[in-house]
C-alpha atoms as a PDB file:
ATOM      1  CA  MET A   1     -38.767 -60.253 126.334  1.00  0.00           C
ATOM      2  CA  THR A   2     -40.423 -62.649 126.876  1.00  0.00           C
ATOM      3  CA  ASN A   3     -40.319 -66.208 126.284  1.00  0.00           C
ATOM      4  CA  ASN A   4     -43.038 -69.072 126.736  1.00  0.00           C
ATOM      5  CA  ASP A   5     -42.230 -70.272 129.785  1.00  0.00           C
ATOM      6  CA  GLU A   6     -42.303 -66.909 130.947  1.00  0.00           C
ATOM      7  CA  LEU A   7     -45.310 -66.168 129.726  1.00  0.00           C
ATOM      8  CA  LYS A   8     -46.978 -70.139 131.367  1.00  0.00           C
ATOM      9  CA  GLY A   9     -45.521 -68.727 134.444  1.00  0.00           C
ATOM     10  CA  LYS A  10     -47.383 -65.588 134.376  1.00  0.00           C
ATOM     11  CA  VAL A  11     -50.884 -67.541 133.823  1.00  0.00           C
ATOM     12  CA  ASN A  12     -50.459 -69.682 136.337  1.00  0.00           C
ATOM     13  CA  GLU A  13     -49.436 -67.446 138.292  1.00  0.00           C
ATOM     14  CA  ALA A  14     -52.842 -65.433 138.450  1.00  0.00           C
ATOM     15  CA  LYS A  15     -54.665 -68.801 137.539  1.00  0.00           C
ATOM     16  CA  GLY A  16     -53.316 -69.356 140.914  1.00  0.00           C
ATOM     17  CA  LYS A  17     -54.073 -65.968 143.224  1.00  0.00           C
ATOM     18  CA  VAL A  18     -57.300 -66.241 141.337  1.00  0.00           C
ATOM     19  CA  THR A  19     -58.117 -69.897 142.761  1.00  0.00           C
ATOM     20  CA  ASP A  20     -56.472 -69.179 145.824  1.00  0.00           C
ATOM     21  CA  ASP A  21     -54.094 -72.107 145.226  1.00  0.00           C
ATOM     22  CA  GLU A  22     -50.550 -70.972 146.014  1.00  0.00           C
ATOM     23  CA  THR A  23     -48.926 -74.427 144.867  1.00  0.00           C
ATOM     24  CA  THR A  24     -50.041 -73.553 141.490  1.00  0.00           C
ATOM     25  CA  GLU A  25     -49.056 -69.834 141.594  1.00  0.00           C
ATOM     26  CA  LEU A  26     -45.595 -70.718 143.337  1.00  0.00           C
ATOM     27  CA  LYS A  27     -45.220 -72.845 139.964  1.00  0.00           C
ATOM     28  CA  GLY A  28     -46.033 -69.757 138.518  1.00  0.00           C
ATOM     29  CA  LYS A  29     -43.045 -67.298 139.871  1.00  0.00           C
ATOM     30  CA  ILE A  30     -40.526 -70.390 139.698  1.00  0.00           C
ATOM     31  CA  GLN A  31     -41.775 -70.715 135.403  1.00  0.00           C
ATOM     32  CA  GLN A  32     -41.130 -67.202 135.096  1.00  0.00           C
ATOM     33  CA  GLY A  33     -37.630 -67.458 136.822  1.00  0.00           C
ATOM     34  CA  PHE A  34     -36.492 -70.059 134.653  1.00  0.00           C
ATOM     35  CA  GLY A  35     -37.793 -68.675 132.008  1.00  0.00           C
ATOM     36  CA  LYS A  36     -35.317 -65.375 133.398  1.00  0.00           C
ATOM     37  CA  ALA A  37     -32.904 -67.441 133.397  1.00  0.00           C
ATOM     38  CA  LYS A  38     -32.956 -69.135 130.216  1.00  0.00           C
ATOM     39  CA  ASP A  39     -32.684 -65.684 128.463  1.00  0.00           C
ATOM     40  CA  LYS A  40     -30.015 -64.586 130.438  1.00  0.00           C
ATOM     41  CA  ALA A  41     -27.915 -67.427 129.062  1.00  0.00           C
ATOM     42  CA  LYS A  42     -28.864 -67.202 125.135  1.00  0.00           C
ATOM     43  CA  GLU A  43     -28.379 -63.199 126.114  1.00  0.00           C
ATOM     44  CA  THR A  44     -24.357 -64.166 127.407  1.00  0.00           C
ATOM     45  CA  ALA A  45     -24.146 -66.946 125.098  1.00  0.00           C
ATOM     46  CA  ASP A  46     -24.664 -64.377 122.389  1.00  0.00           C
ATOM     47  CA  ASP A  47     -22.469 -61.816 123.463  1.00  0.00           C
ATOM     48  CA  VAL A  48     -19.712 -64.396 123.977  1.00  0.00           C
ATOM     49  CA  ALA A  49     -20.057 -66.361 120.511  1.00  0.00           C
ATOM     50  CA  GLY A  50     -20.290 -62.351 118.934  1.00  0.00           C
ATOM     51  CA  LYS A  51     -16.510 -61.615 120.780  1.00  0.00           C
ATOM     52  CA  ILE A  52     -15.671 -64.842 119.243  1.00  0.00           C
ATOM     53  CA  ASN A  53     -16.366 -63.938 116.133  1.00  0.00           C
ATOM     54  CA  LYS A  54     -15.151 -60.495 116.098  1.00  0.00           C
ATOM     55  CA  LYS A  55     -11.319 -61.456 117.641  1.00  0.00           C
ATOM     56  CA  ALA A  56     -11.761 -64.256 115.074  1.00  0.00           C
ATOM     57  CA  ASP A  57     -11.793 -61.728 112.133  1.00  0.00           C
ATOM     58  CA  GLU A  58      -9.556 -59.652 113.681  1.00  0.00           C
ATOM     59  CA  ASN A  59      -6.878 -62.564 113.260  1.00  0.00           C
ATOM     60  CA  LYS A  60      -8.027 -63.105 109.793  1.00  0.00           C
ATOM     61  CA  LYS A  61      -7.149 -59.580 109.087  1.00  0.00           C
ATOM     62  CA  ASP A  62      -3.509 -59.951 110.406  1.00  0.00           C
END
């Protein structure tokens, strides 16, 4: 799943390559990494929340 940070990063990386601007290219790569990290953190939070909810539901049945 691509989020805005990853998309902006890809655009900046491409812009840096086209204009031969290493700073912009690096900025794009960093943005992409940040976007991937945000996605991973969200996935982990969703997974933990799901496990907590499942455990809470199991405890309600008892």
